[in-house]
C-alpha atoms as a PDB file:
ATOM      1  CA  UNK A   1     -11.849   0.958 -69.964  1.00  0.00           C
ATOM      2  CA  UNK A   2     -14.879   1.959 -68.248  1.00  0.00           C
ATOM      3  CA  UNK A   3     -13.033   3.039 -65.182  1.00  0.00           C
ATOM      4  CA  UNK A   4     -10.971   5.446 -67.342  1.00  0.00           C
ATOM      5  CA  UNK A   5     -13.984   6.647 -69.209  1.00  0.00           C
ATOM      6  CA  UNK A   6     -15.814   7.533 -65.631  1.00  0.00           C
ATOM      7  CA  UNK A   7     -12.418   9.346 -64.407  1.00  0.00           C
ATOM      8  CA  UNK A   8     -12.411  11.329 -67.655  1.00  0.00           C
ATOM      9  CA  UNK A   9     -16.140  12.247 -67.431  1.00  0.00           C
ATOM     10  CA  UNK A  10     -15.830  13.384 -63.952  1.00  0.00           C
ATOM     11  CA  UNK A  11     -13.105  15.400 -64.700  1.00  0.00           C
ATOM     12  CA  UNK A  12     -14.729  17.002 -67.635  1.00  0.00           C
ATOM     13  CA  UNK A  13     -17.663  17.757 -65.151  1.00  0.00           C
ATOM     14  CA  UNK A  14     -15.502  19.397 -62.662  1.00  0.00           C
ATOM     15  CA  UNK A  15     -15.472  16.382 -60.160  1.00  0.00           C
ATOM     16  CA  UNK A  16     -12.364  15.380 -58.417  1.00  0.00           C
ATOM     17  CA  UNK A  17     -12.939  11.982 -56.617  1.00  0.00           C
ATOM     18  CA  UNK A  18     -10.858  11.317 -53.611  1.00  0.00           C
ATOM     19  CA  UNK A  19     -11.252   8.032 -51.707  1.00  0.00           C
ATOM     20  CA  UNK A  20      -9.368   7.824 -48.190  1.00  0.00           C
ATOM     21  CA  UNK A  21     -10.036   5.968 -44.817  1.00  0.00           C
ATOM     22  CA  UNK A  22      -7.567   7.487 -42.202  1.00  0.00           C
ATOM     23  CA  UNK A  23      -7.165   7.741 -38.771  1.00  0.00           C
ATOM     24  CA  UNK A  24      -7.930  11.457 -37.392  1.00  0.00           C
ATOM     25  CA  UNK A  25      -7.519  10.677 -33.751  1.00  0.00           C
ATOM     26  CA  UNK A  26      -8.632   8.990 -30.493  1.00  0.00           C
ATOM     27  CA  UNK A  27     -10.892   9.582 -27.405  1.00  0.00           C
ATOM     28  CA  UNK A  28     -11.393   7.744 -24.117  1.00  0.00           C
ATOM     29  CA  UNK A  29     -14.745   7.914 -22.299  1.00  0.00           C
ATOM     30  CA  UNK A  30     -16.212   6.334 -19.059  1.00  0.00           C
ATOM     31  CA  UNK A  31     -19.223   4.155 -18.914  1.00  0.00           C
ATOM     32  CA  UNK A  32     -21.987   6.615 -18.319  1.00  0.00           C
ATOM     33  CA  UNK A  33     -20.420   9.608 -19.281  1.00  0.00           C
ATOM     34  CA  UNK A  34     -20.058  11.670 -22.350  1.00  0.00           C
ATOM     35  CA  UNK A  35     -17.117  13.088 -24.529  1.00  0.00           C
ATOM     36  CA  UNK A  36     -16.875  15.289 -27.603  1.00  0.00           C
ATOM     37  CA  UNK A  37     -14.659  14.285 -30.626  1.00  0.00           C
ATOM     38  CA  UNK A  38     -13.637  16.967 -33.199  1.00  0.00           C
ATOM     39  CA  UNK A  39     -12.317  16.683 -36.680  1.00  0.00           C
ATOM     40  CA  UNK A  40      -8.751  18.230 -37.424  1.00  0.00           C
ATOM     41  CA  UNK A  41      -8.332  21.891 -37.284  1.00  0.00           C
ATOM     42  CA  UNK A  42      -7.471  21.918 -40.934  1.00  0.00           C
ATOM     43  CA  UNK A  43     -10.586  19.921 -41.985  1.00  0.00           C
ATOM     44  CA  UNK A  44     -12.610  22.362 -40.147  1.00  0.00           C
ATOM     45  CA  UNK A  45     -11.163  25.414 -41.824  1.00  0.00           C
ATOM     46  CA  UNK A  46     -11.679  23.380 -45.221  1.00  0.00           C
ATOM     47  CA  UNK A  47     -15.534  22.847 -44.566  1.00  0.00           C
ATOM     48  CA  UNK A  48     -15.995  26.426 -43.671  1.00  0.00           C
ATOM     49  CA  UNK A  49     -15.239  27.336 -47.199  1.00  0.00           C
ATOM     50  CA  UNK A  50     -17.122  24.616 -48.553  1.00  0.00           C
ATOM     51  CA  UNK A  51     -20.480  24.148 -50.148  1.00  0.00           C
ATOM     52  CA  UNK A  52     -23.005  21.231 -50.605  1.00  0.00           C
ATOM     53  CA  UNK A  53     -21.605  19.589 -47.191  1.00  0.00           C
ATOM     54  CA  UNK A  54     -23.292  16.177 -46.454  1.00  0.00           C
ATOM     55  CA  UNK A  55     -21.875  14.459 -43.499  1.00  0.00           C
ATOM     56  CA  UNK A  56     -22.284  11.411 -41.090  1.00  0.00           C
ATOM     57  CA  UNK A  57     -20.975   9.902 -37.893  1.00  0.00           C
ATOM     58  CA  UNK A  58     -21.568   6.329 -37.145  1.00  0.00           C
ATOM     59  CA  UNK A  59     -20.448   4.083 -34.083  1.00  0.00           C
ATOM     60  CA  UNK A  60     -18.768   0.699 -34.815  1.00  0.00           C
ATOM     61  CA  UNK A  61     -20.577  -0.838 -32.063  1.00  0.00           C
ATOM     62  CA  UNK A  62     -23.752   0.835 -30.306  1.00  0.00           C
ATOM     63  CA  UNK A  63     -23.168  -1.509 -27.275  1.00  0.00           C
ATOM     64  CA  UNK A  64     -19.908   0.159 -26.493  1.00  0.00           C
ATOM     65  CA  UNK A  65     -20.958   3.807 -27.148  1.00  0.00           C
ATOM     66  CA  UNK A  66     -23.486   5.800 -28.740  1.00  0.00           C
ATOM     67  CA  UNK A  67     -23.843   9.220 -30.683  1.00  0.00           C
ATOM     68  CA  UNK A  68     -26.031  11.610 -28.674  1.00  0.00           C
ATOM     69  CA  UNK A  69     -25.240  14.716 -30.987  1.00  0.00           C
ATOM     70  CA  UNK A  70     -23.249  15.782 -33.995  1.00  0.00           C
ATOM     71  CA  UNK A  71     -22.750  18.632 -36.437  1.00  0.00           C
ATOM     72  CA  UNK A  72     -20.112  18.511 -39.230  1.00  0.00           C
ATOM     73  CA  UNK A  73     -17.098  19.447 -37.153  1.00  0.00           C
ATOM     74  CA  UNK A  74     -18.002  17.530 -33.953  1.00  0.00           C
ATOM     75  CA  UNK A  75     -19.626  14.297 -32.401  1.00  0.00           C
ATOM     76  CA  UNK A  76     -20.449  13.654 -29.018  1.00  0.00           C
ATOM     77  CA  UNK A  77     -20.664  10.124 -27.834  1.00  0.00           C
ATOM     78  CA  UNK A  78     -21.655   8.278 -24.470  1.00  0.00           C
ATOM     79  CA  UNK A  79     -19.887   5.332 -23.073  1.00  0.00           C
ATOM     80  CA  UNK A  80     -22.265   2.221 -22.644  1.00  0.00           C
ATOM     81  CA  UNK A  81     -19.854  -0.479 -21.718  1.00  0.00           C
ATOM     82  CA  UNK A  82     -16.333  -1.084 -21.614  1.00  0.00           C
ATOM     83  CA  UNK A  83     -14.348  -1.828 -24.748  1.00  0.00           C
ATOM     84  CA  UNK A  84     -12.831  -0.541 -27.988  1.00  0.00           C
ATOM     85  CA  UNK A  85     -14.485   0.527 -30.748  1.00  0.00           C
ATOM     86  CA  UNK A  86     -14.517   3.078 -33.718  1.00  0.00           C
ATOM     87  CA  UNK A  87     -16.126   6.147 -34.480  1.00  0.00           C
ATOM     88  CA  UNK A  88     -16.485   6.811 -38.313  1.00  0.00           C
ATOM     89  CA  UNK A  89     -16.943  10.098 -39.903  1.00  0.00           C
ATOM     90  CA  UNK A  90     -17.634  10.442 -43.628  1.00  0.00           C
ATOM     91  CA  UNK A  91     -18.396  13.864 -45.378  1.00  0.00           C
ATOM     92  CA  UNK A  92     -18.764  15.082 -48.955  1.00  0.00           C
ATOM     93  CA  UNK A  93     -18.660  18.640 -50.181  1.00  0.00           C
ATOM     94  CA  UNK A  94     -17.695  20.979 -53.057  1.00  0.00           C
ATOM     95  CA  UNK A  95     -14.451  23.077 -52.674  1.00  0.00           C
ATOM     96  CA  UNK A  96     -13.123  25.332 -55.391  1.00  0.00           C
ATOM     97  CA  UNK A  97     -15.670  23.759 -57.937  1.00  0.00           C
ATOM     98  CA  UNK A  98     -14.522  20.220 -57.260  1.00  0.00           C
ATOM     99  CA  UNK A  99     -16.269  17.249 -55.398  1.00  0.00           C
ATOM    100  CA  UNK A 100     -14.415  16.070 -52.301  1.00  0.00           C
ATOM    101  CA  UNK A 101     -14.843  13.786 -49.495  1.00  0.00           C
ATOM    102  CA  UNK A 102     -13.281  12.946 -46.364  1.00  0.00           C
ATOM    103  CA  UNK A 103     -13.368   9.592 -44.862  1.00  0.00           C
ATOM    104  CA  UNK A 104     -11.990   9.297 -41.151  1.00  0.00           C
ATOM    105  CA  UNK A 105     -12.158   7.193 -38.202  1.00  0.00           C
ATOM    106  CA  UNK A 106     -11.539   7.556 -34.211  1.00  0.00           C
ATOM    107  CA  UNK A 107     -10.460   4.842 -31.970  1.00  0.00           C
ATOM    108  CA  UNK A 108     -12.693   5.098 -28.953  1.00  0.00           C
ATOM    109  CA  UNK A 109     -11.660   3.458 -25.592  1.00  0.00           C
ATOM    110  CA  UNK A 110     -14.746   2.966 -23.028  1.00  0.00           C
ATOM    111  CA  UNK A 111     -13.513   2.571 -19.640  1.00  0.00           C
ATOM    112  CA  UNK A 112     -15.653   1.101 -16.661  1.00  0.00           C
ATOM    113  CA  UNK A 113     -16.797   3.757 -14.385  1.00  0.00           C
ATOM    114  CA  UNK A 114     -16.532   1.250 -11.555  1.00  0.00           C
ATOM    115  CA  UNK A 115     -14.145   2.041  -8.673  1.00  0.00           C
ATOM    116  CA  UNK A 116     -13.035  -1.487  -7.188  1.00  0.00           C
ATOM    117  CA  UNK A 117     -12.252  -1.965  -3.298  1.00  0.00           C
ATOM    118  CA  UNK A 118      -8.611  -2.200  -2.660  1.00  0.00           C
ATOM    119  CA  UNK A 119      -8.156  -2.112   1.029  1.00  0.00           C
ATOM    120  CA  UNK A 120     -10.420  -2.881   3.902  1.00  0.00           C
ATOM    121  CA  UNK A 121      -9.322  -1.441   7.438  1.00  0.00           C
ATOM    122  CA  UNK A 122     -11.152  -2.879  10.541  1.00  0.00           C
ATOM    123  CA  UNK A 123     -11.095  -1.200  14.183  1.00  0.00           C
ATOM    124  CA  UNK A 124      -9.852  -4.433  15.656  1.00  0.00           C
ATOM    125  CA  UNK A 125      -7.550  -7.020  14.381  1.00  0.00           C
ATOM    126  CA  UNK A 126      -7.818  -9.086  17.546  1.00  0.00           C
ATOM    127  CA  UNK A 127     -10.330  -9.115  20.452  1.00  0.00           C
ATOM    128  CA  UNK A 128     -10.298 -10.860  23.598  1.00  0.00           C
ATOM    129  CA  UNK A 129     -13.998 -11.728  24.851  1.00  0.00           C
ATOM    130  CA  UNK A 130     -15.640 -13.885  27.703  1.00  0.00           C
ATOM    131  CA  UNK A 131     -18.365 -16.288  26.954  1.00  0.00           C
ATOM    132  CA  UNK A 132     -21.510 -14.236  26.203  1.00  0.00           C
ATOM    133  CA  UNK A 133     -19.692 -10.923  25.459  1.00  0.00           C
ATOM    134  CA  UNK A 134     -19.958  -9.123  22.442  1.00  0.00           C
ATOM    135  CA  UNK A 135     -18.050  -6.706  20.435  1.00  0.00           C
ATOM    136  CA  UNK A 136     -18.703  -4.398  17.416  1.00  0.00           C
ATOM    137  CA  UNK A 137     -16.418  -4.669  14.691  1.00  0.00           C
ATOM    138  CA  UNK A 138     -16.504  -1.710  12.281  1.00  0.00           C
ATOM    139  CA  UNK A 139     -15.045  -1.608   8.541  1.00  0.00           C
ATOM    140  CA  UNK A 140     -13.677   0.943   6.766  1.00  0.00           C
ATOM    141  CA  UNK A 141     -13.467   0.514   2.918  1.00  0.00           C
ATOM    142  CA  UNK A 142     -10.822   2.101   0.682  1.00  0.00           C
ATOM    143  CA  UNK A 143     -10.878   4.025  -1.600  1.00  0.00           C
ATOM    144  CA  UNK A 144     -13.362   6.202   0.081  1.00  0.00           C
ATOM    145  CA  UNK A 145     -14.931   6.764  -3.686  1.00  0.00           C
ATOM    146  CA  UNK A 146     -15.572   3.125  -4.320  1.00  0.00           C
ATOM    147  CA  UNK A 147     -18.643   2.321  -6.158  1.00  0.00           C
ATOM    148  CA  UNK A 148     -19.713  -0.387  -3.991  1.00  0.00           C
ATOM    149  CA  UNK A 149     -18.584  -0.001  -0.200  1.00  0.00           C
ATOM    150  CA  UNK A 150     -20.980  -2.754   1.033  1.00  0.00           C
ATOM    151  CA  UNK A 151     -19.174  -5.534   3.253  1.00  0.00           C
ATOM    152  CA  UNK A 152     -20.395  -9.065   4.471  1.00  0.00           C
ATOM    153  CA  UNK A 153     -19.031 -10.870   7.479  1.00  0.00           C
ATOM    154  CA  UNK A 154     -18.274 -14.673   8.222  1.00  0.00           C
ATOM    155  CA  UNK A 155     -16.991 -16.597  11.198  1.00  0.00           C
ATOM    156  CA  UNK A 156     -14.614 -19.801  10.625  1.00  0.00           C
ATOM    157  CA  UNK A 157     -15.892 -21.312  13.976  1.00  0.00           C
ATOM    158  CA  UNK A 158     -19.540 -20.456  14.702  1.00  0.00           C
ATOM    159  CA  UNK A 159     -19.568 -22.656  18.016  1.00  0.00           C
ATOM    160  CA  UNK A 160     -16.666 -20.196  19.484  1.00  0.00           C
ATOM    161  CA  UNK A 161     -17.894 -16.872  18.179  1.00  0.00           C
ATOM    162  CA  UNK A 162     -20.518 -15.786  15.531  1.00  0.00           C
ATOM    163  CA  UNK A 163     -20.914 -12.477  13.905  1.00  0.00           C
ATOM    164  CA  UNK A 164     -23.949 -10.464  12.622  1.00  0.00           C
ATOM    165  CA  UNK A 165     -24.578  -8.960   9.086  1.00  0.00           C
ATOM    166  CA  UNK A 166     -23.571  -5.852  10.851  1.00  0.00           C
ATOM    167  CA  UNK A 167     -20.119  -6.879  12.272  1.00  0.00           C
ATOM    168  CA  UNK A 168     -21.596  -7.613  15.990  1.00  0.00           C
ATOM    169  CA  UNK A 169     -19.377 -10.433  17.444  1.00  0.00           C
ATOM    170  CA  UNK A 170     -20.707 -12.791  20.074  1.00  0.00           C
ATOM    171  CA  UNK A 171     -18.565 -15.113  22.214  1.00  0.00           C
ATOM    172  CA  UNK A 172     -20.180 -18.516  22.730  1.00  0.00           C
ATOM    173  CA  UNK A 173     -17.522 -20.860  23.824  1.00  0.00           C
ATOM    174  CA  UNK A 174     -13.889 -21.053  25.210  1.00  0.00           C
ATOM    175  CA  UNK A 175     -11.553 -20.953  22.007  1.00  0.00           C
ATOM    176  CA  UNK A 176     -10.187 -19.193  18.731  1.00  0.00           C
ATOM    177  CA  UNK A 177     -12.146 -17.924  15.901  1.00  0.00           C
ATOM    178  CA  UNK A 178     -11.509 -15.834  12.914  1.00  0.00           C
ATOM    179  CA  UNK A 179     -14.092 -13.264  11.734  1.00  0.00           C
ATOM    180  CA  UNK A 180     -13.348 -12.050   8.338  1.00  0.00           C
ATOM    181  CA  UNK A 181     -14.635  -9.057   6.463  1.00  0.00           C
ATOM    182  CA  UNK A 182     -15.259  -9.312   2.763  1.00  0.00           C
ATOM    183  CA  UNK A 183     -15.823  -6.589  -0.025  1.00  0.00           C
ATOM    184  CA  UNK A 184     -19.180  -7.176  -1.685  1.00  0.00           C
ATOM    185  CA  UNK A 185     -18.034  -5.870  -5.115  1.00  0.00           C
ATOM    186  CA  UNK A 186     -16.272  -8.965  -6.213  1.00  0.00           C
ATOM    187  CA  UNK A 187     -12.895  -7.334  -5.736  1.00  0.00           C
ATOM    188  CA  UNK A 188     -11.901 -10.154  -3.555  1.00  0.00           C
ATOM    189  CA  UNK A 189     -10.522  -7.792  -0.733  1.00  0.00           C
ATOM    190  CA  UNK A 190     -10.903  -9.144   2.814  1.00  0.00           C
ATOM    191  CA  UNK A 191      -9.615  -8.390   6.267  1.00  0.00           C
ATOM    192  CA  UNK A 192      -9.833 -10.682   9.307  1.00  0.00           C
ATOM    193  CA  UNK A 193      -9.893 -10.370  13.070  1.00  0.00           C
ATOM    194  CA  UNK A 194      -8.913 -13.061  15.519  1.00  0.00           C
ATOM    195  CA  UNK A 195     -11.292 -13.478  18.418  1.00  0.00           C
ATOM    196  CA  UNK A 196     -10.232 -15.190  21.455  1.00  0.00           C
ATOM    197  CA  UNK A 197     -12.868 -16.532  23.853  1.00  0.00           C
ATOM    198  CA  UNK A 198     -12.293 -17.380  27.629  1.00  0.00           C
ATOM    199  CA  UNK A 199     -14.910 -18.697  30.063  1.00  0.00           C
ATOM    200  CA  UNK A 200     -16.634 -15.843  32.011  1.00  0.00           C
ATOM    201  CA  UNK A 201     -15.151 -14.676  35.222  1.00  0.00           C
ATOM    202  CA  UNK A 202     -16.793 -13.334  38.143  1.00  0.00           C
ATOM    203  CA  UNK A 203     -16.839  -9.700  36.719  1.00  0.00           C
ATOM    204  CA  UNK A 204     -14.061  -8.167  38.597  1.00  0.00           C
ATOM    205  CA  UNK A 205     -10.291  -9.355  38.252  1.00  0.00           C
ATOM    206  CA  UNK A 206      -7.869  -7.743  40.568  1.00  0.00           C
ATOM    207  CA  UNK A 207      -4.323  -7.133  39.092  1.00  0.00           C
ATOM    208  CA  UNK A 208      -2.580  -5.331  41.933  1.00  0.00           C
ATOM    209  CA  UNK A 209      -3.702  -5.355  45.497  1.00  0.00           C
ATOM    210  CA  UNK A 210      -2.059  -2.072  46.899  1.00  0.00           C
ATOM    211  CA  UNK A 211      -5.046  -0.170  47.674  1.00  0.00           C
ATOM    212  CA  UNK A 212      -7.617  -1.166  50.121  1.00  0.00           C
ATOM    213  CA  UNK A 213     -10.421   0.893  48.631  1.00  0.00           C
ATOM    214  CA  UNK A 214     -12.674  -1.326  46.648  1.00  0.00           C
ATOM    215  CA  UNK A 215     -15.808  -0.767  44.670  1.00  0.00           C
ATOM    216  CA  UNK A 216     -19.105  -2.874  43.735  1.00  0.00           C
ATOM    217  CA  UNK A 217     -20.832  -3.162  40.482  1.00  0.00           C
ATOM    218  CA  UNK A 218     -24.638  -2.151  40.396  1.00  0.00           C
ATOM    219  CA  UNK A 219     -26.017  -2.776  36.774  1.00  0.00           C
ATOM    220  CA  UNK A 220     -23.787  -0.563  34.561  1.00  0.00           C
ATOM    221  CA  UNK A 221     -22.351   1.419  37.443  1.00  0.00           C
ATOM    222  CA  UNK A 222     -19.408   1.271  39.624  1.00  0.00           C
ATOM    223  CA  UNK A 223     -19.700   2.375  43.254  1.00  0.00           C
ATOM    224  CA  UNK A 224     -16.389   3.285  45.362  1.00  0.00           C
ATOM    225  CA  UNK A 225     -15.951   2.962  49.195  1.00  0.00           C
ATOM    226  CA  UNK A 226     -14.986   6.768  49.061  1.00  0.00           C
ATOM    227  CA  UNK A 227     -14.027   9.544  46.573  1.00  0.00           C
ATOM    228  CA  UNK A 228     -10.821   8.262  44.524  1.00  0.00           C
ATOM    229  CA  UNK A 229      -9.135   9.552  41.364  1.00  0.00           C
ATOM    230  CA  UNK A 230     -10.265   6.806  38.920  1.00  0.00           C
ATOM    231  CA  UNK A 231      -9.747   6.250  35.099  1.00  0.00           C
ATOM    232  CA  UNK A 232     -11.898   3.993  33.024  1.00  0.00           C
ATOM    233  CA  UNK A 233     -10.851   2.763  29.860  1.00  0.00           C
ATOM    234  CA  UNK A 234     -12.289   0.445  27.017  1.00  0.00           C
ATOM    235  CA  UNK A 235     -10.994  -2.745  25.691  1.00  0.00           C
ATOM    236  CA  UNK A 236      -9.399  -0.595  22.899  1.00  0.00           C
ATOM    237  CA  UNK A 237      -7.391   1.494  25.453  1.00  0.00           C
ATOM    238  CA  UNK A 238     -10.055   4.598  24.852  1.00  0.00           C
ATOM    239  CA  UNK A 239     -10.657   6.765  27.764  1.00  0.00           C
ATOM    240  CA  UNK A 240     -14.329   6.468  29.213  1.00  0.00           C
ATOM    241  CA  UNK A 241     -13.928   8.287  32.403  1.00  0.00           C
ATOM    242  CA  UNK A 242     -11.075   9.978  34.191  1.00  0.00           C
ATOM    243  CA  UNK A 243     -11.338  12.165  37.530  1.00  0.00           C
ATOM    244  CA  UNK A 244     -12.312  12.464  41.201  1.00  0.00           C
ATOM    245  CA  UNK A 245     -15.453  10.359  41.876  1.00  0.00           C
ATOM    246  CA  UNK A 246     -17.274   7.835  44.162  1.00  0.00           C
ATOM    247  CA  UNK A 247     -19.383   6.665  41.627  1.00  0.00           C
ATOM    248  CA  UNK A 248     -19.417   6.064  37.689  1.00  0.00           C
ATOM    249  CA  UNK A 249     -22.701   5.495  36.003  1.00  0.00           C
ATOM    250  CA  UNK A 250     -23.989   4.459  32.402  1.00  0.00           C
ATOM    251  CA  UNK A 251     -21.063   2.751  31.436  1.00  0.00           C
ATOM    252  CA  UNK A 252     -21.622   0.867  27.993  1.00  0.00           C
ATOM    253  CA  UNK A 253     -21.808  -3.085  27.676  1.00  0.00           C
ATOM    254  CA  UNK A 254     -18.589  -4.840  27.453  1.00  0.00           C
ATOM    255  CA  UNK A 255     -15.095  -5.105  28.935  1.00  0.00           C
ATOM    256  CA  UNK A 256     -13.600  -1.993  31.079  1.00  0.00           C
ATOM    257  CA  UNK A 257     -10.510  -1.463  32.703  1.00  0.00           C
ATOM    258  CA  UNK A 258     -10.761   0.356  35.999  1.00  0.00           C
ATOM    259  CA  UNK A 259      -7.576   1.945  37.627  1.00  0.00           C
ATOM    260  CA  UNK A 260      -7.222   3.698  40.788  1.00  0.00           C
ATOM    261  CA  UNK A 261      -4.787   4.173  43.483  1.00  0.00           C
ATOM    262  CA  UNK A 262      -2.121   1.932  41.935  1.00  0.00           C
ATOM    263  CA  UNK A 263      -4.815  -0.792  41.530  1.00  0.00           C
ATOM    264  CA  UNK A 264      -6.315  -2.167  38.203  1.00  0.00           C
ATOM    265  CA  UNK A 265      -9.433  -4.172  37.709  1.00  0.00           C
ATOM    266  CA  UNK A 266     -11.031  -5.594  34.453  1.00  0.00           C
ATOM    267  CA  UNK A 267     -14.938  -5.184  34.821  1.00  0.00           C
ATOM    268  CA  UNK A 268     -17.640  -6.893  32.516  1.00  0.00           C
ATOM    269  CA  UNK A 269     -20.794  -4.720  32.299  1.00  0.00           C
END
């Protein structure tokens, strides 16, 4: 009876109540970024002709997203942490002499802005070293816009080969070891390189004896008995020197393959 009397009084006073709670849309925002949510065009047109407007926007969970600015038609939110929540909108106003309300909600999805590592490419997947030699492993992390590109290295047999925090492999004794590079972002992504270690040789290993022109090694230089056409490659096959010469200086530390006049030799600098 009291409810009927209240409704009658409100009608006599020109007040028309409307109670509703409906979904008006949804939005997606990344953690640390902002987006703007607007009420529907029809509702905006109604408010443009309304008077006595009172409105409010609220976040169902401020640990997911917060409100940075608002007006009667739109609200800007900022993602805080990944998850799902609701953005609530309530507005009361007078239109054509009647009191009316809008009661909407918007489903908000907050996505993580973290980009995980999906692949690691190493410059070598297998290397052959002699005891005492070193080789620098380099890792390229994909995707290139990964949030955390840091990696760390581990060896499964430190007595044979160790690896530094920067990926420098050092051979210690004859045998087989596996060096593994891990993504540091917790994605579980990894890539391995096999290290084959042999006992250190005398420094020059002839492959073909069809040439009588020899060379000697002095420090990081090679000196031939005469001017010859010579090519020098690193262990990956990259050309380090090619041309006519009697002397090659400033070779880097590591294993080199030297070819001249049908002869080939492995040289350790």
